[in-house]
Protein backbone atom coordinates (compact mmCIF):
# COMPACT_ATOMS: atom_id res chain seq x y z
CA MET A 1 -22.90 -37.22 1.04
CA LYS A 2 -21.80 -34.90 3.82
CA LYS A 3 -18.70 -35.57 5.83
CA ILE A 4 -17.99 -34.67 9.38
CA ILE A 5 -14.47 -33.58 10.05
CA LYS A 6 -12.78 -32.99 13.35
CA ILE A 7 -10.52 -30.04 13.91
CA THR A 8 -8.61 -28.95 16.93
CA GLU A 9 -9.17 -25.73 18.77
CA SER A 10 -5.87 -24.39 17.47
CA ASP A 11 -6.93 -25.21 13.87
CA LEU A 12 -10.18 -23.32 14.37
CA SER A 13 -8.34 -20.40 15.93
CA ARG A 14 -5.93 -20.26 13.00
CA ILE A 15 -8.80 -20.30 10.49
CA VAL A 16 -10.63 -17.49 12.28
CA LYS A 17 -7.46 -15.37 12.44
CA ARG A 18 -6.87 -15.89 8.72
CA VAL A 19 -10.42 -14.79 7.87
CA ILE A 20 -10.08 -11.69 10.07
CA GLU A 21 -6.76 -10.77 8.45
CA GLU A 22 -8.22 -11.14 4.95
CA ASN A 23 -11.12 -8.86 5.90
CA LYS A 24 -8.68 -6.28 7.31
CA LYS A 25 -6.70 -6.30 4.07
CA GLU A 26 -9.84 -5.78 2.00
CA ASP A 27 -10.99 -2.99 4.33
CA SER A 28 -7.61 -1.25 4.17
CA MET A 29 -7.57 -1.37 0.36
CA LYS A 30 -11.09 0.13 0.32
CA TYR A 31 -9.95 2.83 2.74
CA PHE A 32 -7.08 3.84 0.47
CA GLU A 33 -9.27 3.60 -2.64
CA ASN A 34 -11.73 6.02 -1.00
CA ILE A 35 -8.98 8.63 -0.57
CA GLY A 36 -7.44 7.77 -3.93
CA ASN A 37 -7.77 11.32 -5.30
CA LYS A 38 -5.79 12.73 -2.38
CA ILE A 39 -3.16 10.00 -2.80
CA GLN A 40 -2.94 10.68 -6.55
CA LYS A 41 -2.41 14.41 -5.92
CA SER A 42 0.23 13.65 -3.30
CA VAL A 43 2.04 11.24 -5.66
CA LEU A 44 2.12 13.92 -8.35
CA ASP A 45 3.46 16.47 -5.86
CA ALA A 46 6.13 14.01 -4.75
CA ILE A 47 7.37 13.16 -8.23
CA LYS A 48 7.24 16.78 -9.43
CA TYR A 49 8.56 18.70 -6.45
CA ALA A 50 9.49 16.76 -3.33
CA VAL A 51 11.63 13.77 -4.30
CA ASN A 52 14.64 14.41 -6.53
CA PRO A 53 14.77 11.58 -9.11
CA ILE A 54 18.14 12.60 -10.50
CA ARG A 55 19.97 11.99 -7.21
CA ILE A 56 18.36 8.59 -6.66
CA SER A 57 19.58 6.03 -9.18
CA ASN A 58 17.91 3.01 -7.61
CA HIS A 59 14.25 2.50 -8.59
CA SER A 60 13.28 0.88 -5.29
CA ASN A 61 14.79 3.73 -3.26
CA TYR A 62 12.93 6.26 -5.38
CA PHE A 63 9.66 4.39 -4.92
CA LYS A 64 10.28 4.17 -1.17
CA GLN A 65 10.91 7.89 -0.86
CA VAL A 66 7.78 8.74 -2.84
CA VAL A 67 5.74 6.36 -0.65
CA ASP A 68 7.20 7.92 2.51
CA TYR A 69 6.29 11.39 1.26
CA VAL A 70 2.73 10.38 0.40
CA TRP A 71 2.32 8.51 3.71
CA SER A 72 3.34 11.63 5.62
CA ASP A 73 0.87 13.70 3.58
CA ILE A 74 -2.15 11.53 4.50
CA ASP A 75 -4.30 12.54 7.46
CA HIS A 76 -3.90 9.77 10.02
CA ASP A 77 -6.48 8.73 12.59
CA GLU A 78 -7.48 5.55 14.40
CA ASN A 79 -9.14 4.24 11.22
CA THR A 80 -6.04 4.58 9.06
CA PRO A 81 -4.65 1.15 8.18
CA SER A 82 -0.99 0.35 8.75
CA LYS A 83 1.84 1.66 6.62
CA ARG A 84 2.49 -1.91 5.49
CA GLU A 85 -1.01 -2.03 3.96
CA PHE A 86 -0.41 1.39 2.43
CA VAL A 87 2.78 0.17 0.74
CA LYS A 88 0.85 -2.80 -0.70
CA PHE A 89 -1.77 -0.40 -2.03
CA MET A 90 0.88 1.86 -3.55
CA LYS A 91 2.59 -1.11 -5.21
CA ARG A 92 -0.72 -2.27 -6.62
CA ASP A 93 -2.02 1.08 -7.88
CA PHE A 94 0.87 3.52 -8.32
CA ALA A 95 4.13 1.59 -8.78
CA ASP A 96 4.03 1.73 -12.58
CA GLN A 97 3.36 5.46 -12.63
CA ILE A 98 6.13 6.25 -10.14
CA LEU A 99 8.76 3.96 -11.64
CA ASN A 100 7.99 5.00 -15.23
CA HIS A 101 8.47 8.62 -14.22
CA HIS A 102 11.77 7.79 -12.56
CA GLN A 103 12.98 5.70 -15.47
CA GLY A 104 12.03 8.42 -17.94
CA LEU A 105 14.04 11.04 -16.07
CA ARG A 106 17.07 8.79 -15.64
CA ARG A 107 17.59 8.45 -19.42
C-alpha cells in the first residue's frame, strides 16, 4: 500500500541540495581518477625530490606538503573540482603510499 507523505518546501530544498552535492562529489572523484596517471607521477616527484621527509617528523604535515605540491602541479581550469575534494581523493587513493614512504624514511 502506498503512502502519501507531506514535506515542507525547506525539506524538499534540503533533499535536492544533498543530491546535488553527492553528484558533485562523484563527479570530482571521476575527474581526479581520469588524471590519475598525472597525479601518480606528481606524487612520485614530490616524495622523491620536492618534499624533504627527513625534516618533517609529523606524518600529517608530510602528507599535507605532498598534497600541496601535487595540487600546484595539476593544470587548473573551470572544471577542476575544489582543493577540498582533491584532498579527499588523495586520502582515499594515495595516503597509504605517501605515509608508508615517510614512515620508511623516518626509521
